[in-house]
Amino acid sequence: MQKAAVQNRTAIALTVNGERRSMHARSLRELLAELELEGDFFAIAVNRHVVTRARWNEASLNDGDSVEIVTPRQGG
């Protein structure tokens, strides 16, 4: 979906990585785009349930959902 079309939607309240945010996205893929996160190298959970990458386009987000986006880190 085009970014302009997403921005024209009514915003919903999501908690993203512990921060309450007003977002227009309705799928995880749209959320990643709205947050300007590129690539597929993330683990994502919605309301404490991990969502597989194959379902990022179809997994719907609803007002009040909690989303955790984790990126791998290297180091020691």
N, C-alpha and C. Protein backbone atom coordinates (compact mmCIF):
# COMPACT_ATOMS: atom_id res chain seq x y z
N MET A 1 0.85 -1.17 0.00
CA MET A 1 0.00 0.00 0.00
C MET A 1 0.89 1.23 0.00
N GLN A 2 0.47 2.25 -0.68
CA GLN A 2 1.25 3.46 -0.79
C GLN A 2 1.25 4.23 0.52
N LYS A 3 2.37 4.90 0.79
CA LYS A 3 2.52 5.64 2.04
C LYS A 3 1.44 6.70 2.21
N ALA A 4 1.09 7.40 1.14
CA ALA A 4 0.06 8.45 1.23
C ALA A 4 -1.28 7.86 1.65
N ALA A 5 -1.62 6.69 1.12
CA ALA A 5 -2.89 6.06 1.48
C ALA A 5 -2.90 5.67 2.95
N VAL A 6 -1.78 5.19 3.45
CA VAL A 6 -1.68 4.81 4.86
C VAL A 6 -1.83 6.05 5.74
N GLN A 7 -1.20 7.16 5.35
CA GLN A 7 -1.24 8.39 6.15
C GLN A 7 -2.64 9.00 6.21
N ASN A 8 -3.51 8.69 5.25
CA ASN A 8 -4.86 9.24 5.23
C ASN A 8 -5.82 8.50 6.17
N ARG A 9 -5.40 7.39 6.72
CA ARG A 9 -6.24 6.64 7.65
C ARG A 9 -6.28 7.33 9.02
N THR A 10 -7.30 7.01 9.77
CA THR A 10 -7.37 7.45 11.16
C THR A 10 -6.28 6.74 11.95
N ALA A 11 -5.58 7.48 12.77
CA ALA A 11 -4.50 6.89 13.57
C ALA A 11 -5.07 6.01 14.67
N ILE A 12 -4.30 4.99 15.03
CA ILE A 12 -4.62 4.14 16.16
C ILE A 12 -3.49 4.24 17.17
N ALA A 13 -3.78 3.94 18.41
CA ALA A 13 -2.77 3.97 19.47
C ALA A 13 -2.11 2.60 19.56
N LEU A 14 -0.81 2.57 19.39
CA LEU A 14 -0.02 1.35 19.55
C LEU A 14 1.09 1.62 20.54
N THR A 15 1.48 0.59 21.26
CA THR A 15 2.68 0.67 22.07
C THR A 15 3.75 -0.07 21.30
N VAL A 16 4.78 0.66 20.87
CA VAL A 16 5.86 0.08 20.07
C VAL A 16 7.13 0.12 20.90
N ASN A 17 7.64 -1.06 21.22
CA ASN A 17 8.84 -1.19 22.06
C ASN A 17 8.72 -0.36 23.34
N GLY A 18 7.55 -0.44 23.95
CA GLY A 18 7.32 0.21 25.23
C GLY A 18 6.91 1.68 25.14
N GLU A 19 6.88 2.25 23.94
CA GLU A 19 6.53 3.66 23.77
C GLU A 19 5.16 3.79 23.11
N ARG A 20 4.26 4.51 23.75
CA ARG A 20 2.90 4.73 23.21
C ARG A 20 3.01 5.68 22.03
N ARG A 21 2.45 5.25 20.87
CA ARG A 21 2.55 6.05 19.65
C ARG A 21 1.23 6.06 18.91
N SER A 22 0.99 7.12 18.18
CA SER A 22 -0.16 7.23 17.30
C SER A 22 0.31 6.87 15.90
N MET A 23 -0.23 5.78 15.34
CA MET A 23 0.25 5.26 14.06
C MET A 23 -0.93 5.08 13.10
N HIS A 24 -0.62 5.08 11.81
CA HIS A 24 -1.64 4.89 10.78
C HIS A 24 -1.62 3.46 10.21
N ALA A 25 -0.55 2.73 10.44
CA ALA A 25 -0.38 1.38 9.89
C ALA A 25 -1.44 0.43 10.41
N ARG A 26 -1.82 -0.52 9.57
CA ARG A 26 -2.77 -1.56 9.95
C ARG A 26 -2.18 -2.97 9.82
N SER A 27 -0.95 -3.06 9.29
CA SER A 27 -0.25 -4.35 9.22
C SER A 27 1.18 -4.12 9.71
N LEU A 28 1.86 -5.21 10.02
CA LEU A 28 3.24 -5.08 10.49
C LEU A 28 4.14 -4.52 9.40
N ARG A 29 3.93 -4.94 8.17
CA ARG A 29 4.74 -4.42 7.06
C ARG A 29 4.55 -2.89 6.94
N GLU A 30 3.30 -2.43 7.06
CA GLU A 30 3.03 -0.99 7.02
C GLU A 30 3.66 -0.28 8.21
N LEU A 31 3.63 -0.92 9.37
CA LEU A 31 4.24 -0.33 10.56
C LEU A 31 5.74 -0.15 10.37
N LEU A 32 6.40 -1.16 9.85
CA LEU A 32 7.84 -1.05 9.60
C LEU A 32 8.13 0.12 8.66
N ALA A 33 7.31 0.27 7.61
CA ALA A 33 7.50 1.37 6.67
C ALA A 33 7.27 2.71 7.35
N GLU A 34 6.21 2.80 8.17
CA GLU A 34 5.90 4.05 8.85
C GLU A 34 7.00 4.44 9.84
N LEU A 35 7.64 3.44 10.43
CA LEU A 35 8.75 3.68 11.35
C LEU A 35 10.08 3.85 10.61
N GLU A 36 10.03 3.73 9.29
CA GLU A 36 11.21 3.84 8.41
C GLU A 36 12.27 2.80 8.76
N LEU A 37 11.80 1.58 9.06
CA LEU A 37 12.69 0.44 9.30
C LEU A 37 12.69 -0.40 8.03
N GLU A 38 13.86 -0.61 7.47
CA GLU A 38 13.97 -1.34 6.21
C GLU A 38 14.51 -2.74 6.44
N GLY A 39 14.14 -3.64 5.56
CA GLY A 39 14.65 -5.00 5.61
C GLY A 39 13.70 -5.96 6.31
N ASP A 40 14.14 -7.20 6.40
CA ASP A 40 13.34 -8.26 7.00
C ASP A 40 14.04 -8.89 8.20
N PHE A 41 15.10 -8.27 8.66
CA PHE A 41 15.90 -8.88 9.70
C PHE A 41 15.45 -8.44 11.09
N PHE A 42 14.17 -8.73 11.39
CA PHE A 42 13.57 -8.38 12.66
C PHE A 42 12.80 -9.58 13.21
N ALA A 43 12.64 -9.60 14.50
CA ALA A 43 11.67 -10.49 15.13
C ALA A 43 10.59 -9.57 15.68
N ILE A 44 9.32 -9.91 15.42
CA ILE A 44 8.22 -9.04 15.84
C ILE A 44 7.19 -9.85 16.60
N ALA A 45 6.74 -9.27 17.71
CA ALA A 45 5.66 -9.88 18.50
C ALA A 45 4.55 -8.84 18.67
N VAL A 46 3.32 -9.29 18.54
CA VAL A 46 2.15 -8.45 18.78
C VAL A 46 1.40 -9.05 19.96
N ASN A 47 1.23 -8.25 20.99
CA ASN A 47 0.57 -8.71 22.22
C ASN A 47 1.20 -10.01 22.73
N ARG A 48 2.53 -10.04 22.71
CA ARG A 48 3.34 -11.15 23.22
C ARG A 48 3.29 -12.42 22.37
N HIS A 49 2.75 -12.34 21.16
CA HIS A 49 2.72 -13.49 20.25
C HIS A 49 3.60 -13.18 19.05
N VAL A 50 4.61 -14.02 18.84
CA VAL A 50 5.53 -13.83 17.72
C VAL A 50 4.78 -14.01 16.41
N VAL A 51 5.04 -13.10 15.47
CA VAL A 51 4.41 -13.16 14.15
C VAL A 51 5.51 -13.49 13.14
N THR A 52 5.33 -14.57 12.41
CA THR A 52 6.34 -14.97 11.43
C THR A 52 6.40 -13.96 10.29
N ARG A 53 7.56 -13.84 9.70
CA ARG A 53 7.78 -12.91 8.60
C ARG A 53 6.77 -13.13 7.47
N ALA A 54 6.40 -14.35 7.22
CA ALA A 54 5.45 -14.67 6.15
C ALA A 54 4.08 -14.03 6.41
N ARG A 55 3.78 -13.67 7.65
CA ARG A 55 2.47 -13.09 7.99
C ARG A 55 2.50 -11.58 8.22
N TRP A 56 3.64 -10.92 7.99
CA TRP A 56 3.75 -9.49 8.25
C TRP A 56 2.77 -8.66 7.42
N ASN A 57 2.46 -9.08 6.21
CA ASN A 57 1.53 -8.33 5.36
C ASN A 57 0.09 -8.50 5.81
N GLU A 58 -0.25 -9.65 6.35
CA GLU A 58 -1.64 -9.95 6.68
C GLU A 58 -1.99 -9.78 8.15
N ALA A 59 -1.00 -9.78 9.03
CA ALA A 59 -1.27 -9.63 10.46
C ALA A 59 -1.79 -8.23 10.73
N SER A 60 -3.03 -8.13 11.20
CA SER A 60 -3.63 -6.81 11.39
C SER A 60 -3.28 -6.24 12.76
N LEU A 61 -3.17 -4.93 12.79
CA LEU A 61 -2.94 -4.19 14.02
C LEU A 61 -4.22 -3.48 14.42
N ASN A 62 -4.50 -3.48 15.72
CA ASN A 62 -5.71 -2.86 16.24
C ASN A 62 -5.35 -1.86 17.32
N ASP A 63 -6.23 -0.90 17.52
CA ASP A 63 -6.04 0.11 18.55
C ASP A 63 -5.74 -0.57 19.89
N GLY A 64 -4.68 -0.12 20.54
CA GLY A 64 -4.32 -0.67 21.85
C GLY A 64 -3.32 -1.80 21.82
N ASP A 65 -2.96 -2.30 20.61
CA ASP A 65 -2.00 -3.40 20.52
C ASP A 65 -0.62 -2.97 21.01
N SER A 66 0.12 -3.95 21.49
CA SER A 66 1.50 -3.77 21.91
C SER A 66 2.40 -4.52 20.94
N VAL A 67 3.35 -3.83 20.35
CA VAL A 67 4.24 -4.42 19.35
C VAL A 67 5.68 -4.30 19.83
N GLU A 68 6.40 -5.41 19.78
CA GLU A 68 7.83 -5.41 20.10
C GLU A 68 8.58 -5.78 18.83
N ILE A 69 9.52 -4.93 18.46
CA ILE A 69 10.35 -5.16 17.28
C ILE A 69 11.78 -5.30 17.77
N VAL A 70 12.38 -6.45 17.51
CA VAL A 70 13.72 -6.75 18.00
C VAL A 70 14.65 -6.92 16.81
N THR A 71 15.82 -6.29 16.90
CA THR A 71 16.84 -6.45 15.88
C THR A 71 18.03 -7.16 16.50
N PRO A 72 18.71 -8.00 15.73
CA PRO A 72 19.88 -8.69 16.27
C PRO A 72 21.04 -7.71 16.48
N ARG A 73 21.79 -7.96 17.51
CA ARG A 73 22.97 -7.14 17.81
C ARG A 73 24.19 -8.04 17.87
N GLN A 74 25.30 -7.50 17.44
CA GLN A 74 26.53 -8.25 17.48
C GLN A 74 27.43 -7.62 18.54
N GLY A 75 28.22 -8.40 19.15
CA GLY A 75 29.13 -7.84 20.15
C GLY A 75 29.39 -8.84 21.26
N GLY A 76 30.03 -8.37 22.26
CA GLY A 76 30.34 -9.30 23.32
C GLY A 76 30.62 -8.64 24.62
